[in-house]
Amino acid sequence: MSEDTRDLTVEEFTHGMNHLLGEQSGLDATIKIAFEDDRVIFIDGKSTPNAVNNEDQPADVTLRLSLETLNKIYRRELNPVMAAMTGKVRIEGDLRHAMKLEGLLKSFD
């Protein structure tokens, strides 16, 4: 579990994921995390350098969830697979790309 017990903002997640991706993450996919309030985190693992922003763009896979759910996944209070199975995360698009994001989130500290 992450030692950080506070909730991160969309902006903090965006900054952290951008830092994690670096120049070339190996994701080779575009992933959109869409929140209930219409905010998004768009992860472009296809561009060089990789980029993360808050623009609502088409993606290979879209994950729809609440910011609360993302924080629980980040703090390892909720398993991403279980979150998807229970409907806390809805996946639209290529599931393989969503699984790549799980690996990225595990190193997000």
Protein backbone atom coordinates (compact mmCIF):
# COMPACT_ATOMS: atom_id res chain seq x y z
CA MET A 1 0.00 0.00 0.00
CA SER A 2 1.20 3.51 -0.71
CA GLU A 3 2.29 5.39 2.38
CA ASP A 4 0.41 8.46 1.15
CA THR A 5 -3.06 8.38 2.71
CA ARG A 6 -4.42 11.62 1.26
CA ASP A 7 -6.45 11.83 -1.91
CA LEU A 8 -4.55 13.05 -4.96
CA THR A 9 -6.13 15.47 -7.42
CA VAL A 10 -6.51 14.87 -11.15
CA GLU A 11 -3.67 17.33 -11.68
CA GLU A 12 -1.37 15.44 -9.29
CA PHE A 13 -2.13 12.14 -11.04
CA THR A 14 -1.49 13.81 -14.43
CA HIS A 15 1.87 15.17 -13.29
CA GLY A 16 2.88 11.89 -11.65
CA MET A 17 1.98 9.79 -14.69
CA ASN A 18 3.83 12.19 -16.99
CA HIS A 19 6.90 11.78 -14.80
CA LEU A 20 6.55 7.97 -14.84
CA LEU A 21 6.18 7.71 -18.61
CA GLY A 22 9.31 9.65 -19.41
CA GLU A 23 10.46 9.74 -23.00
CA GLN A 24 9.51 6.18 -23.93
CA SER A 25 7.39 4.04 -21.61
CA GLY A 26 6.81 1.09 -23.90
CA LEU A 27 3.04 1.48 -23.47
CA ASP A 28 2.50 1.81 -27.23
CA ALA A 29 -1.12 2.81 -26.60
CA THR A 30 -3.33 5.76 -25.88
CA ILE A 31 -5.31 5.50 -22.66
CA LYS A 32 -7.97 7.85 -21.38
CA ILE A 33 -9.07 7.92 -17.76
CA ALA A 34 -12.47 9.62 -17.71
CA PHE A 35 -13.93 10.84 -14.45
CA GLU A 36 -17.58 11.39 -13.55
CA ASP A 37 -17.18 15.18 -13.63
CA ASP A 38 -15.97 15.15 -17.28
CA ARG A 39 -12.30 15.67 -16.39
CA VAL A 40 -9.84 13.33 -18.08
CA ILE A 41 -6.26 12.15 -17.99
CA PHE A 42 -5.05 11.32 -21.49
CA ILE A 43 -1.95 9.14 -21.69
CA ASP A 44 -0.23 9.07 -25.07
CA GLY A 45 2.20 6.18 -24.99
CA LYS A 46 2.50 6.18 -28.79
CA SER A 47 4.05 9.60 -29.28
CA THR A 48 7.75 10.30 -28.87
CA PRO A 49 8.26 11.57 -26.29
CA ASN A 50 5.30 10.05 -24.44
CA ALA A 51 2.90 12.62 -23.06
CA VAL A 52 0.16 12.98 -20.47
CA ASN A 53 -2.38 15.80 -20.50
CA ASN A 54 -5.97 16.58 -19.60
CA GLU A 55 -7.35 16.87 -23.14
CA ASP A 56 -10.36 14.74 -24.05
CA GLN A 57 -9.06 12.85 -27.10
CA PRO A 58 -9.95 9.49 -28.70
CA ALA A 59 -8.00 6.60 -27.14
CA ASP A 60 -7.33 2.91 -27.64
CA VAL A 61 -8.98 2.27 -24.29
CA THR A 62 -11.06 4.43 -21.97
CA LEU A 63 -11.38 3.75 -18.26
CA ARG A 64 -14.42 5.35 -16.62
CA LEU A 65 -14.23 5.70 -12.85
CA SER A 66 -14.44 8.14 -9.99
CA LEU A 67 -11.46 10.02 -8.62
CA GLU A 68 -12.18 8.26 -5.31
CA THR A 69 -11.78 4.87 -7.01
CA LEU A 70 -8.49 5.92 -8.65
CA ASN A 71 -7.20 7.05 -5.27
CA LYS A 72 -8.15 3.69 -3.72
CA ILE A 73 -6.32 1.87 -6.51
CA TYR A 74 -3.31 4.16 -6.05
CA ARG A 75 -3.25 3.48 -2.28
CA ARG A 76 -3.67 -0.24 -3.01
CA GLU A 77 -6.92 -0.36 -1.06
CA LEU A 78 -8.65 -1.66 -4.19
CA ASN A 79 -7.35 -4.15 -6.73
CA PRO A 80 -7.78 -2.84 -10.32
CA VAL A 81 -9.12 -6.18 -11.58
CA MET A 82 -11.64 -6.37 -8.75
CA ALA A 83 -12.63 -2.75 -9.42
CA ALA A 84 -13.41 -3.67 -13.04
CA MET A 85 -15.26 -6.84 -12.05
CA THR A 86 -17.47 -4.94 -9.59
CA GLY A 87 -18.21 -2.09 -12.00
CA LYS A 88 -16.20 0.57 -10.18
CA VAL A 89 -14.10 0.82 -13.35
CA ARG A 90 -15.78 0.51 -16.74
CA ILE A 91 -13.47 -0.36 -19.60
CA GLU A 92 -14.26 0.68 -23.17
CA GLY A 93 -11.87 -0.51 -25.85
CA ASP A 94 -8.87 -2.82 -25.85
CA LEU A 95 -8.53 -4.50 -22.45
CA ARG A 96 -4.85 -5.31 -23.11
CA HIS A 97 -4.00 -1.62 -22.97
CA ALA A 98 -5.84 -1.21 -19.68
CA MET A 99 -3.70 -3.99 -18.23
CA LYS A 100 -0.55 -2.10 -19.27
CA LEU A 101 -1.76 0.85 -17.22
CA GLU A 102 -2.04 -1.37 -14.14
CA GLY A 103 1.70 -1.98 -14.32
CA LEU A 104 2.33 1.74 -14.59
CA LEU A 105 0.14 2.51 -11.57
CA LYS A 106 2.05 -0.03 -9.47
CA SER A 107 5.19 2.09 -9.83
CA PHE A 108 3.35 5.38 -9.14
CA ASP A 109 4.70 6.49 -5.76
